[in-house]
Amino acid sequence: MNDKIRPTHLERAAYIYVRQSTMHQVREHQESLRLQYELREQAQRWKFRDVVVIDEDLGRSGAGTADRPGFGKLLAAVCDGRVGAVMAVEASRLARNNRDWHHLVDLCALTDTLVIDHDGVYDPRLLNDRLLLGLKGSMAEFELGLIRQRGHEALRGMIARGEALWEVAVGYVRTRDNRIEMVADRQVQEAIRGVFAKFRELGSARQVL
């Protein structure tokens, strides 16, 4: 057992925070969920007085844009001095924004609560550990921003190629190479061209209608 885990920590509870950002991840990433719930066995082996699993935030983002009742419950327990250690598989499970992350770390330092993830055991009252926790929080927020940036770039590329529409407009079909073309029916094609010709002539969708 890590020498940072002292009897004063074991006399309190280990709180395990379980989170996935979306319901799709909850359904599809079962291995990640299994690893998070297995932390309960680790806490029991270390002989914490009690082990509490908080999983109300499954399917909720840690970016700070969504309400997280589970995270609020965790903060309240830390404030009350009931928590000996906050455990998560990785720091990004706890928060992906610096506001929430540093709030938690500050409370843990005030109440002598450890933060534990798969990389190690951190005591927020120690300068080096606090520095590492700060870096972990910043990297989690940066990683989320990078994922969003890549997602926006991919979406813009799909829009430019005409691939972003889930359902194409009436009179059009999606080809096997993911392009959009008019249906083969000549009568439908002429009707569509007629609509656009009328719009160019009248300059108003209302008048065309």
C-alpha atoms as a PDB file:
ATOM      1  CA  MET A   1       0.000   0.000   0.000  1.00  0.00           C
ATOM      2  CA  ASN A   2       1.234   3.520  -0.770  1.00  0.00           C
ATOM      3  CA  ASP A   3       2.807   5.256   2.250  1.00  0.00           C
ATOM      4  CA  LYS A   4       0.714   8.381   1.571  1.00  0.00           C
ATOM      5  CA  ILE A   5      -2.367   6.419   2.644  1.00  0.00           C
ATOM      6  CA  ARG A   6      -2.303   6.868   6.426  1.00  0.00           C
ATOM      7  CA  PRO A   7      -4.607   5.491   9.152  1.00  0.00           C
ATOM      8  CA  THR A   8      -6.405   8.862   9.276  1.00  0.00           C
ATOM      9  CA  HIS A   9      -7.438   8.311   5.636  1.00  0.00           C
ATOM     10  CA  LEU A  10      -8.468   4.687   6.173  1.00  0.00           C
ATOM     11  CA  GLU A  11     -10.720   5.720   9.073  1.00  0.00           C
ATOM     12  CA  ARG A  12     -12.846   7.585   6.524  1.00  0.00           C
ATOM     13  CA  ALA A  13     -14.542   6.400   3.337  1.00  0.00           C
ATOM     14  CA  ALA A  14     -13.115   5.961  -0.146  1.00  0.00           C
ATOM     15  CA  TYR A  15     -15.366   7.643  -2.694  1.00  0.00           C
ATOM     16  CA  ILE A  16     -15.198   6.167  -6.191  1.00  0.00           C
ATOM     17  CA  TYR A  17     -16.419   8.482  -8.929  1.00  0.00           C
ATOM     18  CA  VAL A  18     -17.707   6.676 -12.036  1.00  0.00           C
ATOM     19  CA  ARG A  19     -18.554   8.669 -15.169  1.00  0.00           C
ATOM     20  CA  GLN A  20     -18.950   8.307 -18.930  1.00  0.00           C
ATOM     21  CA  SER A  21     -19.542  11.395 -21.076  1.00  0.00           C
ATOM     22  CA  THR A  22     -22.427  10.071 -23.216  1.00  0.00           C
ATOM     23  CA  MET A  23     -25.055   7.325 -23.070  1.00  0.00           C
ATOM     24  CA  HIS A  24     -23.461   5.856 -26.196  1.00  0.00           C
ATOM     25  CA  GLN A  25     -20.239   5.356 -24.224  1.00  0.00           C
ATOM     26  CA  VAL A  26     -22.209   3.854 -21.350  1.00  0.00           C
ATOM     27  CA  ARG A  27     -23.744   1.295 -23.716  1.00  0.00           C
ATOM     28  CA  GLU A  28     -20.719   0.557 -25.898  1.00  0.00           C
ATOM     29  CA  HIS A  29     -17.651   1.008 -23.654  1.00  0.00           C
ATOM     30  CA  GLN A  30     -18.347  -1.689 -21.109  1.00  0.00           C
ATOM     31  CA  GLU A  31     -14.659  -2.369 -20.453  1.00  0.00           C
ATOM     32  CA  SER A  32     -14.147   1.198 -19.247  1.00  0.00           C
ATOM     33  CA  LEU A  33     -17.112   0.854 -16.896  1.00  0.00           C
ATOM     34  CA  ARG A  34     -15.772  -2.443 -15.570  1.00  0.00           C
ATOM     35  CA  LEU A  35     -12.390  -0.871 -14.774  1.00  0.00           C
ATOM     36  CA  GLN A  36     -14.065   2.000 -12.938  1.00  0.00           C
ATOM     37  CA  TYR A  37     -16.237  -0.251 -10.798  1.00  0.00           C
ATOM     38  CA  GLU A  38     -13.249  -2.489  -9.998  1.00  0.00           C
ATOM     39  CA  LEU A  39     -11.772   0.395  -8.012  1.00  0.00           C
ATOM     40  CA  ARG A  40     -14.196  -0.643  -5.271  1.00  0.00           C
ATOM     41  CA  GLU A  41     -12.227  -3.877  -4.783  1.00  0.00           C
ATOM     42  CA  GLN A  42      -8.965  -1.935  -4.668  1.00  0.00           C
ATOM     43  CA  ALA A  43     -10.338   0.349  -1.947  1.00  0.00           C
ATOM     44  CA  GLN A  44     -11.514  -2.679   0.030  1.00  0.00           C
ATOM     45  CA  ARG A  45      -8.062  -4.279  -0.207  1.00  0.00           C
ATOM     46  CA  TRP A  46      -6.581  -1.089   1.240  1.00  0.00           C
ATOM     47  CA  LYS A  47      -9.114  -1.443   4.102  1.00  0.00           C
ATOM     48  CA  PHE A  48     -10.874   1.911   3.948  1.00  0.00           C
ATOM     49  CA  ARG A  49     -13.607   2.044   6.582  1.00  0.00           C
ATOM     50  CA  ASP A  50     -16.277   2.326   3.890  1.00  0.00           C
ATOM     51  CA  VAL A  51     -16.451   2.427   0.099  1.00  0.00           C
ATOM     52  CA  VAL A  52     -18.998   4.651  -1.642  1.00  0.00           C
ATOM     53  CA  VAL A  53     -19.569   4.466  -5.401  1.00  0.00           C
ATOM     54  CA  ILE A  54     -21.004   7.570  -7.078  1.00  0.00           C
ATOM     55  CA  ASP A  55     -22.312   6.799 -10.552  1.00  0.00           C
ATOM     56  CA  GLU A  56     -25.197   9.269 -10.952  1.00  0.00           C
ATOM     57  CA  ASP A  57     -23.246  11.125 -13.648  1.00  0.00           C
ATOM     58  CA  LEU A  58     -23.122   8.287 -16.178  1.00  0.00           C
ATOM     59  CA  GLY A  59     -23.896   9.798 -19.584  1.00  0.00           C
ATOM     60  CA  ARG A  60     -23.021  13.337 -18.443  1.00  0.00           C
ATOM     61  CA  SER A  61     -20.127  15.405 -19.764  1.00  0.00           C
ATOM     62  CA  GLY A  62     -17.458  16.637 -17.367  1.00  0.00           C
ATOM     63  CA  ALA A  63     -16.890  19.791 -19.413  1.00  0.00           C
ATOM     64  CA  GLY A  64     -18.844  21.945 -16.969  1.00  0.00           C
ATOM     65  CA  THR A  65     -21.750  22.582 -19.347  1.00  0.00           C
ATOM     66  CA  ALA A  66     -24.065  19.950 -17.823  1.00  0.00           C
ATOM     67  CA  ASP A  67     -25.399  19.601 -14.291  1.00  0.00           C
ATOM     68  CA  ARG A  68     -23.643  16.754 -12.444  1.00  0.00           C
ATOM     69  CA  PRO A  69     -25.506  15.759  -9.269  1.00  0.00           C
ATOM     70  CA  GLY A  70     -22.972  13.025  -8.536  1.00  0.00           C
ATOM     71  CA  PHE A  71     -20.062  15.466  -8.608  1.00  0.00           C
ATOM     72  CA  GLY A  72     -22.001  17.787  -6.305  1.00  0.00           C
ATOM     73  CA  LYS A  73     -22.541  14.902  -3.884  1.00  0.00           C
ATOM     74  CA  LEU A  74     -18.796  14.164  -3.993  1.00  0.00           C
ATOM     75  CA  LEU A  75     -17.884  17.787  -3.194  1.00  0.00           C
ATOM     76  CA  ALA A  76     -20.352  17.836  -0.294  1.00  0.00           C
ATOM     77  CA  ALA A  77     -18.875  14.651   1.186  1.00  0.00           C
ATOM     78  CA  VAL A  78     -15.330  16.027   0.914  1.00  0.00           C
ATOM     79  CA  CYS A  79     -16.426  19.270   2.608  1.00  0.00           C
ATOM     80  CA  ASP A  80     -17.957  17.292   5.465  1.00  0.00           C
ATOM     81  CA  GLY A  81     -14.666  15.481   6.087  1.00  0.00           C
ATOM     82  CA  ARG A  82     -16.211  12.080   5.355  1.00  0.00           C
ATOM     83  CA  VAL A  83     -13.805  11.212   2.518  1.00  0.00           C
ATOM     84  CA  GLY A  84     -10.355   9.747   2.981  1.00  0.00           C
ATOM     85  CA  ALA A  85      -9.681   9.372  -0.736  1.00  0.00           C
ATOM     86  CA  VAL A  86     -11.340  10.283  -4.022  1.00  0.00           C
ATOM     87  CA  MET A  87     -10.719   7.515  -6.552  1.00  0.00           C
ATOM     88  CA  ALA A  88     -11.137   7.472 -10.329  1.00  0.00           C
ATOM     89  CA  VAL A  89      -9.579   5.481 -13.152  1.00  0.00           C
ATOM     90  CA  GLU A  90      -8.178   8.707 -14.571  1.00  0.00           C
ATOM     91  CA  ALA A  91      -8.295  12.382 -13.682  1.00  0.00           C
ATOM     92  CA  SER A  92     -10.513  13.286 -16.642  1.00  0.00           C
ATOM     93  CA  ARG A  93     -13.354  11.245 -15.074  1.00  0.00           C
ATOM     94  CA  LEU A  94     -13.528  13.769 -12.242  1.00  0.00           C
ATOM     95  CA  ALA A  95     -13.657  16.927 -14.376  1.00  0.00           C
ATOM     96  CA  ARG A  96     -12.738  18.190 -17.818  1.00  0.00           C
ATOM     97  CA  ASN A  97     -12.763  21.858 -16.862  1.00  0.00           C
ATOM     98  CA  ASN A  98     -10.317  23.674 -14.619  1.00  0.00           C
ATOM     99  CA  ARG A  99     -13.018  25.317 -12.495  1.00  0.00           C
ATOM    100  CA  ASP A 100     -14.460  22.042 -11.182  1.00  0.00           C
ATOM    101  CA  TRP A 101     -11.063  20.342 -11.041  1.00  0.00           C
ATOM    102  CA  HIS A 102      -9.314  23.005  -8.948  1.00  0.00           C
ATOM    103  CA  HIS A 103     -12.370  23.362  -6.710  1.00  0.00           C
ATOM    104  CA  LEU A 104     -12.156  19.654  -5.893  1.00  0.00           C
ATOM    105  CA  VAL A 105      -8.366  19.743  -5.380  1.00  0.00           C
ATOM    106  CA  ASP A 106      -8.636  22.772  -3.076  1.00  0.00           C
ATOM    107  CA  LEU A 107     -11.296  21.062  -0.947  1.00  0.00           C
ATOM    108  CA  CYS A 108      -9.210  17.881  -0.764  1.00  0.00           C
ATOM    109  CA  ALA A 109      -6.207  19.908   0.435  1.00  0.00           C
ATOM    110  CA  LEU A 110      -8.289  21.608   3.138  1.00  0.00           C
ATOM    111  CA  THR A 111      -9.732  18.324   4.452  1.00  0.00           C
ATOM    112  CA  ASP A 112      -6.615  16.125   4.033  1.00  0.00           C
ATOM    113  CA  THR A 113      -8.269  13.997   1.346  1.00  0.00           C
ATOM    114  CA  LEU A 114      -6.195  12.001  -1.128  1.00  0.00           C
ATOM    115  CA  VAL A 115      -6.806  11.830  -4.878  1.00  0.00           C
ATOM    116  CA  ILE A 116      -6.089   8.427  -6.428  1.00  0.00           C
ATOM    117  CA  ASP A 117      -6.071   7.366 -10.075  1.00  0.00           C
ATOM    118  CA  HIS A 118      -4.347   4.655 -12.104  1.00  0.00           C
ATOM    119  CA  ASP A 119      -1.098   6.662 -12.147  1.00  0.00           C
ATOM    120  CA  GLY A 120      -0.712   6.977  -8.400  1.00  0.00           C
ATOM    121  CA  VAL A 121      -1.745   8.459  -5.068  1.00  0.00           C
ATOM    122  CA  TYR A 122      -1.692  12.240  -4.678  1.00  0.00           C
ATOM    123  CA  ASP A 123      -1.786  14.348  -1.535  1.00  0.00           C
ATOM    124  CA  PRO A 124      -3.016  17.832  -2.574  1.00  0.00           C
ATOM    125  CA  ARG A 125      -1.263  19.347   0.460  1.00  0.00           C
ATOM    126  CA  LEU A 126       2.159  18.406  -0.991  1.00  0.00           C
ATOM    127  CA  LEU A 127       3.572  20.916  -3.469  1.00  0.00           C
ATOM    128  CA  ASN A 128       4.759  18.362  -6.039  1.00  0.00           C
ATOM    129  CA  ASP A 129       1.520  16.381  -5.917  1.00  0.00           C
ATOM    130  CA  ARG A 130      -0.526  19.555  -6.256  1.00  0.00           C
ATOM    131  CA  LEU A 131       1.566  20.508  -9.304  1.00  0.00           C
ATOM    132  CA  LEU A 132       0.917  17.104 -10.903  1.00  0.00           C
ATOM    133  CA  LEU A 133      -2.805  17.345 -10.170  1.00  0.00           C
ATOM    134  CA  GLY A 134      -2.885  20.795 -11.745  1.00  0.00           C
ATOM    135  CA  LEU A 135      -1.206  19.435 -14.874  1.00  0.00           C
ATOM    136  CA  LYS A 136      -3.662  16.541 -15.028  1.00  0.00           C
ATOM    137  CA  GLY A 137      -6.600  18.940 -14.839  1.00  0.00           C
ATOM    138  CA  SER A 138      -5.154  21.209 -17.525  1.00  0.00           C
ATOM    139  CA  MET A 139      -4.418  18.256 -19.809  1.00  0.00           C
ATOM    140  CA  ALA A 140      -7.966  16.904 -19.369  1.00  0.00           C
ATOM    141  CA  GLU A 141      -9.426  20.276 -20.374  1.00  0.00           C
ATOM    142  CA  PHE A 142      -6.982  20.603 -23.291  1.00  0.00           C
ATOM    143  CA  GLU A 143      -7.803  17.082 -24.494  1.00  0.00           C
ATOM    144  CA  LEU A 144     -11.524  17.887 -24.526  1.00  0.00           C
ATOM    145  CA  GLY A 145     -10.879  21.101 -26.475  1.00  0.00           C
ATOM    146  CA  LEU A 146      -8.765  19.166 -28.967  1.00  0.00           C
ATOM    147  CA  ILE A 147     -11.497  16.550 -29.439  1.00  0.00           C
ATOM    148  CA  ARG A 148     -14.063  19.304 -30.041  1.00  0.00           C
ATOM    149  CA  GLN A 149     -11.779  21.077 -32.515  1.00  0.00           C
ATOM    150  CA  ARG A 150     -11.219  17.888 -34.496  1.00  0.00           C
ATOM    151  CA  GLY A 151     -14.942  17.177 -34.440  1.00  0.00           C
ATOM    152  CA  HIS A 152     -15.775  20.646 -35.812  1.00  0.00           C
ATOM    153  CA  GLU A 153     -13.132  20.299 -38.538  1.00  0.00           C
ATOM    154  CA  ALA A 154     -14.499  16.892 -39.537  1.00  0.00           C
ATOM    155  CA  LEU A 155     -18.053  18.275 -39.624  1.00  0.00           C
ATOM    156  CA  ARG A 156     -16.994  21.213 -41.805  1.00  0.00           C
ATOM    157  CA  GLY A 157     -15.317  18.790 -44.182  1.00  0.00           C
ATOM    158  CA  MET A 158     -18.469  16.656 -44.366  1.00  0.00           C
ATOM    159  CA  ILE A 159     -20.570  19.762 -45.027  1.00  0.00           C
ATOM    160  CA  ALA A 160     -18.220  20.839 -47.818  1.00  0.00           C
ATOM    161  CA  ARG A 161     -18.591  17.396 -49.419  1.00  0.00           C
ATOM    162  CA  GLY A 162     -22.375  17.355 -48.941  1.00  0.00           C
ATOM    163  CA  GLU A 163     -22.180  14.402 -46.531  1.00  0.00           C
ATOM    164  CA  ALA A 164     -23.571  16.006 -43.383  1.00  0.00           C
ATOM    165  CA  LEU A 165     -27.279  15.547 -44.176  1.00  0.00           C
ATOM    166  CA  TRP A 166     -28.797  12.430 -42.632  1.00  0.00           C
ATOM    167  CA  GLU A 167     -31.829  12.679 -44.910  1.00  0.00           C
ATOM    168  CA  VAL A 168     -31.605  14.252 -48.347  1.00  0.00           C
ATOM    169  CA  ALA A 169     -34.311  16.555 -49.702  1.00  0.00           C
ATOM    170  CA  VAL A 170     -37.306  15.217 -51.612  1.00  0.00           C
ATOM    171  CA  GLY A 171     -36.362  14.600 -55.232  1.00  0.00           C
ATOM    172  CA  TYR A 172     -32.727  13.742 -54.418  1.00  0.00           C
ATOM    173  CA  VAL A 173     -30.935  10.487 -53.580  1.00  0.00           C
ATOM    174  CA  ARG A 174     -27.618   9.664 -51.960  1.00  0.00           C
ATOM    175  CA  THR A 175     -25.263   7.664 -54.176  1.00  0.00           C
ATOM    176  CA  ARG A 176     -23.025   4.798 -53.093  1.00  0.00           C
ATOM    177  CA  ASP A 177     -19.999   7.125 -53.022  1.00  0.00           C
ATOM    178  CA  ASN A 178     -21.928   9.419 -50.618  1.00  0.00           C
ATOM    179  CA  ARG A 179     -22.799  12.149 -53.130  1.00  0.00           C
ATOM    180  CA  ILE A 180     -26.266  13.691 -53.620  1.00  0.00           C
ATOM    181  CA  GLU A 181     -27.967  13.547 -57.014  1.00  0.00           C
ATOM    182  CA  MET A 182     -31.425  14.164 -58.427  1.00  0.00           C
ATOM    183  CA  VAL A 183     -33.622  11.105 -58.819  1.00  0.00           C
ATOM    184  CA  ALA A 184     -33.582   9.493 -62.249  1.00  0.00           C
ATOM    185  CA  ASP A 185     -37.205  10.440 -63.014  1.00  0.00           C
ATOM    186  CA  ARG A 186     -37.082  13.198 -65.679  1.00  0.00           C
ATOM    187  CA  GLN A 187     -40.433  14.625 -64.584  1.00  0.00           C
ATOM    188  CA  VAL A 188     -39.172  15.103 -61.024  1.00  0.00           C
ATOM    189  CA  GLN A 189     -35.938  16.667 -62.317  1.00  0.00           C
ATOM    190  CA  GLU A 190     -37.886  19.188 -64.412  1.00  0.00           C
ATOM    191  CA  ALA A 191     -40.103  20.053 -61.455  1.00  0.00           C
ATOM    192  CA  ILE A 192     -37.063  20.759 -59.263  1.00  0.00           C
ATOM    193  CA  ARG A 193     -35.375  22.857 -61.971  1.00  0.00           C
ATOM    194  CA  GLY A 194     -38.649  24.725 -62.435  1.00  0.00           C
ATOM    195  CA  VAL A 195     -38.756  25.649 -58.745  1.00  0.00           C
ATOM    196  CA  PHE A 196     -35.231  27.080 -58.858  1.00  0.00           C
ATOM    197  CA  ALA A 197     -35.955  28.905 -62.118  1.00  0.00           C
ATOM    198  CA  LYS A 198     -39.024  30.535 -60.552  1.00  0.00           C
ATOM    199  CA  PHE A 199     -36.951  31.556 -57.522  1.00  0.00           C
ATOM    200  CA  ARG A 200     -34.381  33.247 -59.751  1.00  0.00           C
ATOM    201  CA  GLU A 201     -37.224  34.982 -61.617  1.00  0.00           C
ATOM    202  CA  LEU A 202     -39.253  36.125 -58.581  1.00  0.00           C
ATOM    203  CA  GLY A 203     -36.524  36.373 -55.939  1.00  0.00           C
ATOM    204  CA  SER A 204     -38.758  35.193 -53.089  1.00  0.00           C
ATOM    205  CA  ALA A 205     -39.551  31.723 -51.739  1.00  0.00           C
ATOM    206  CA  ARG A 206     -42.985  32.974 -50.697  1.00  0.00           C
ATOM    207  CA  GLN A 207     -43.839  34.091 -54.251  1.00  0.00           C
ATOM    208  CA  VAL A 208     -42.565  30.795 -55.647  1.00  0.00           C
ATOM    209  CA  LEU A 209     -44.855  28.958 -53.228  1.00  0.00           C
END
